[in-house]
Amino acid sequence: MANNVKEVNGKELEELVSSGKTVVCDFWASWCGPCRMLAPVLDGLAAEFSDRASFVKVNVDDEGAAAAKYGVMSIPDVFVFEGGAVKAHNLGYLPESAMRAFLEKNI
């Protein structure tokens, strides 16, 4: 499988968000079944949307402060940041067609 979604820490996420670029961030954890189901979906869509946004993921077990900053209480939680702020987020697993629709609407 390709690796189109880069794993970042909280500091790297903040640098990306503060740059003002469009960023799609998947807050996840390795023990989370729905997160593991979503990973290949996001990876494929990241390749498709690579010209419109940067795709990253943050492990909530390793980067709890970053998750807390954005109010992540459950995972997977996919955030779209634009212009340095949260534009939208989706909590839970979505199949590819629904995630594509979410991304089309928000990036």
C-alpha atoms as a PDB file:
ATOM      1  CA  MET A   1       0.000   0.000   0.000  1.00  0.00           C
ATOM      2  CA  ALA A   2       1.144   3.493  -0.753  1.00  0.00           C
ATOM      3  CA  ASN A   3       1.831   5.862   2.104  1.00  0.00           C
ATOM      4  CA  ASN A   4       0.118   9.090   1.093  1.00  0.00           C
ATOM      5  CA  VAL A   5      -0.822  10.112   4.648  1.00  0.00           C
ATOM      6  CA  LYS A   6       2.164  11.286   6.691  1.00  0.00           C
ATOM      7  CA  GLU A   7       2.257  10.645  10.434  1.00  0.00           C
ATOM      8  CA  VAL A   8       3.083  13.852  12.311  1.00  0.00           C
ATOM      9  CA  ASN A   9       3.410  14.921  15.919  1.00  0.00           C
ATOM     10  CA  GLY A  10       1.495  17.772  17.541  1.00  0.00           C
ATOM     11  CA  LYS A  11       4.171  20.364  16.816  1.00  0.00           C
ATOM     12  CA  GLU A  12       4.328  19.406  13.134  1.00  0.00           C
ATOM     13  CA  LEU A  13       0.522  19.563  12.917  1.00  0.00           C
ATOM     14  CA  GLU A  14       0.528  23.070  14.388  1.00  0.00           C
ATOM     15  CA  GLU A  15       3.176  24.181  11.894  1.00  0.00           C
ATOM     16  CA  LEU A  16       1.088  22.853   9.002  1.00  0.00           C
ATOM     17  CA  VAL A  17      -2.150  24.375  10.299  1.00  0.00           C
ATOM     18  CA  SER A  18      -0.553  27.751  11.022  1.00  0.00           C
ATOM     19  CA  SER A  19       0.860  27.843   7.488  1.00  0.00           C
ATOM     20  CA  GLY A  20      -2.696  28.513   6.313  1.00  0.00           C
ATOM     21  CA  LYS A  21      -2.652  25.637   3.830  1.00  0.00           C
ATOM     22  CA  THR A  22      -5.476  23.122   3.640  1.00  0.00           C
ATOM     23  CA  VAL A  23      -4.699  20.152   5.874  1.00  0.00           C
ATOM     24  CA  VAL A  24      -6.678  16.956   6.401  1.00  0.00           C
ATOM     25  CA  CYS A  25      -5.750  15.326   9.717  1.00  0.00           C
ATOM     26  CA  ASP A  26      -6.852  11.901  10.904  1.00  0.00           C
ATOM     27  CA  PHE A  27      -6.716  11.568  14.690  1.00  0.00           C
ATOM     28  CA  TRP A  28      -6.309   7.824  15.277  1.00  0.00           C
ATOM     29  CA  ALA A  29      -4.768   5.048  17.414  1.00  0.00           C
ATOM     30  CA  SER A  30      -3.329   1.644  16.517  1.00  0.00           C
ATOM     31  CA  TRP A  31      -5.790  -0.237  18.777  1.00  0.00           C
ATOM     32  CA  CYS A  32      -8.842   1.378  17.125  1.00  0.00           C
ATOM     33  CA  GLY A  33     -10.591  -0.966  14.666  1.00  0.00           C
ATOM     34  CA  PRO A  34     -12.510   1.748  12.786  1.00  0.00           C
ATOM     35  CA  CYS A  35      -9.226   3.710  12.524  1.00  0.00           C
ATOM     36  CA  ARG A  36      -7.548   0.727  10.863  1.00  0.00           C
ATOM     37  CA  MET A  37     -10.509   0.418   8.481  1.00  0.00           C
ATOM     38  CA  LEU A  38     -10.331   4.110   7.592  1.00  0.00           C
ATOM     39  CA  ALA A  39      -6.559   4.197   6.990  1.00  0.00           C
ATOM     40  CA  PRO A  40      -6.562   2.612   3.501  1.00  0.00           C
ATOM     41  CA  VAL A  41      -9.587   4.712   2.495  1.00  0.00           C
ATOM     42  CA  LEU A  42      -7.795   7.933   3.453  1.00  0.00           C
ATOM     43  CA  ASP A  43      -4.562   6.761   1.879  1.00  0.00           C
ATOM     44  CA  GLY A  44      -6.269   6.268  -1.478  1.00  0.00           C
ATOM     45  CA  LEU A  45      -8.142   9.555  -1.262  1.00  0.00           C
ATOM     46  CA  ALA A  46      -4.966  11.387  -0.221  1.00  0.00           C
ATOM     47  CA  ALA A  47      -3.421  10.416  -3.547  1.00  0.00           C
ATOM     48  CA  GLU A  48      -6.520  11.606  -5.369  1.00  0.00           C
ATOM     49  CA  PHE A  49      -6.722  14.947  -3.508  1.00  0.00           C
ATOM     50  CA  SER A  50      -2.975  15.583  -3.109  1.00  0.00           C
ATOM     51  CA  ASP A  51      -3.173  18.738  -5.243  1.00  0.00           C
ATOM     52  CA  ARG A  52      -5.799  20.248  -2.900  1.00  0.00           C
ATOM     53  CA  ALA A  53      -4.607  19.377   0.616  1.00  0.00           C
ATOM     54  CA  SER A  54      -1.874  17.840   2.749  1.00  0.00           C
ATOM     55  CA  PHE A  55      -2.957  14.617   4.439  1.00  0.00           C
ATOM     56  CA  VAL A  56      -1.554  13.758   7.860  1.00  0.00           C
ATOM     57  CA  LYS A  57      -2.421  11.598  10.843  1.00  0.00           C
ATOM     58  CA  VAL A  58      -1.819  12.085  14.557  1.00  0.00           C
ATOM     59  CA  ASN A  59      -1.699   9.171  16.993  1.00  0.00           C
ATOM     60  CA  VAL A  60      -3.806  10.259  19.987  1.00  0.00           C
ATOM     61  CA  ASP A  61      -1.942   7.911  22.344  1.00  0.00           C
ATOM     62  CA  ASP A  62       1.358   9.605  21.539  1.00  0.00           C
ATOM     63  CA  GLU A  63       0.042  13.136  21.042  1.00  0.00           C
ATOM     64  CA  GLY A  64      -2.712  13.566  23.619  1.00  0.00           C
ATOM     65  CA  ALA A  65      -2.180  17.312  23.912  1.00  0.00           C
ATOM     66  CA  ALA A  66      -2.811  17.796  20.183  1.00  0.00           C
ATOM     67  CA  ALA A  67      -5.991  15.716  20.391  1.00  0.00           C
ATOM     68  CA  ALA A  68      -7.156  17.637  23.463  1.00  0.00           C
ATOM     69  CA  LYS A  69      -6.531  20.995  21.763  1.00  0.00           C
ATOM     70  CA  TYR A  70      -9.114  20.126  19.106  1.00  0.00           C
ATOM     71  CA  GLY A  71     -11.554  18.408  21.467  1.00  0.00           C
ATOM     72  CA  VAL A  72     -11.005  14.923  20.088  1.00  0.00           C
ATOM     73  CA  MET A  73     -12.939  12.639  22.444  1.00  0.00           C
ATOM     74  CA  SER A  74     -13.475   9.666  20.147  1.00  0.00           C
ATOM     75  CA  ILE A  75     -11.660   8.295  17.103  1.00  0.00           C
ATOM     76  CA  PRO A  76     -11.261   8.191  14.201  1.00  0.00           C
ATOM     77  CA  ASP A  77     -11.887  11.908  13.902  1.00  0.00           C
ATOM     78  CA  VAL A  78     -10.903  13.510  10.592  1.00  0.00           C
ATOM     79  CA  PHE A  79     -10.401  17.271  10.647  1.00  0.00           C
ATOM     80  CA  VAL A  80     -10.113  19.673   7.721  1.00  0.00           C
ATOM     81  CA  PHE A  81      -8.082  22.782   8.539  1.00  0.00           C
ATOM     82  CA  GLU A  82      -8.146  25.767   6.208  1.00  0.00           C
ATOM     83  CA  GLY A  83      -6.659  29.197   6.733  1.00  0.00           C
ATOM     84  CA  GLY A  84      -5.276  28.170  10.111  1.00  0.00           C
ATOM     85  CA  ALA A  85      -8.619  27.087  11.577  1.00  0.00           C
ATOM     86  CA  VAL A  86     -10.886  24.038  11.741  1.00  0.00           C
ATOM     87  CA  LYS A  87     -13.239  24.103   8.771  1.00  0.00           C
ATOM     88  CA  ALA A  88     -14.973  20.754   9.343  1.00  0.00           C
ATOM     89  CA  HIS A  89     -14.543  17.382  10.967  1.00  0.00           C
ATOM     90  CA  ASN A  90     -16.049  13.934  10.702  1.00  0.00           C
ATOM     91  CA  LEU A  91     -16.215  11.535  13.616  1.00  0.00           C
ATOM     92  CA  GLY A  92     -16.163   7.809  12.882  1.00  0.00           C
ATOM     93  CA  TYR A  93     -15.522   5.541   9.947  1.00  0.00           C
ATOM     94  CA  LEU A  94     -16.905   6.453   6.543  1.00  0.00           C
ATOM     95  CA  PRO A  95     -16.755   4.224   3.466  1.00  0.00           C
ATOM     96  CA  GLU A  96     -14.774   5.601   0.544  1.00  0.00           C
ATOM     97  CA  SER A  97     -17.724   7.177  -1.297  1.00  0.00           C
ATOM     98  CA  ALA A  98     -18.909   9.039   1.809  1.00  0.00           C
ATOM     99  CA  MET A  99     -15.401  10.179   2.757  1.00  0.00           C
ATOM    100  CA  ARG A 100     -14.856  11.385  -0.807  1.00  0.00           C
ATOM    101  CA  ALA A 101     -18.074  13.414  -0.555  1.00  0.00           C
ATOM    102  CA  PHE A 102     -16.938  14.882   2.787  1.00  0.00           C
ATOM    103  CA  LEU A 103     -13.592  15.894   1.258  1.00  0.00           C
ATOM    104  CA  GLU A 104     -15.190  17.271  -1.929  1.00  0.00           C
ATOM    105  CA  LYS A 105     -17.426  19.484   0.198  1.00  0.00           C
ATOM    106  CA  ASN A 106     -14.684  20.713   2.527  1.00  0.00           C
ATOM    107  CA  ILE A 107     -11.442  21.046   0.566  1.00  0.00           C
END
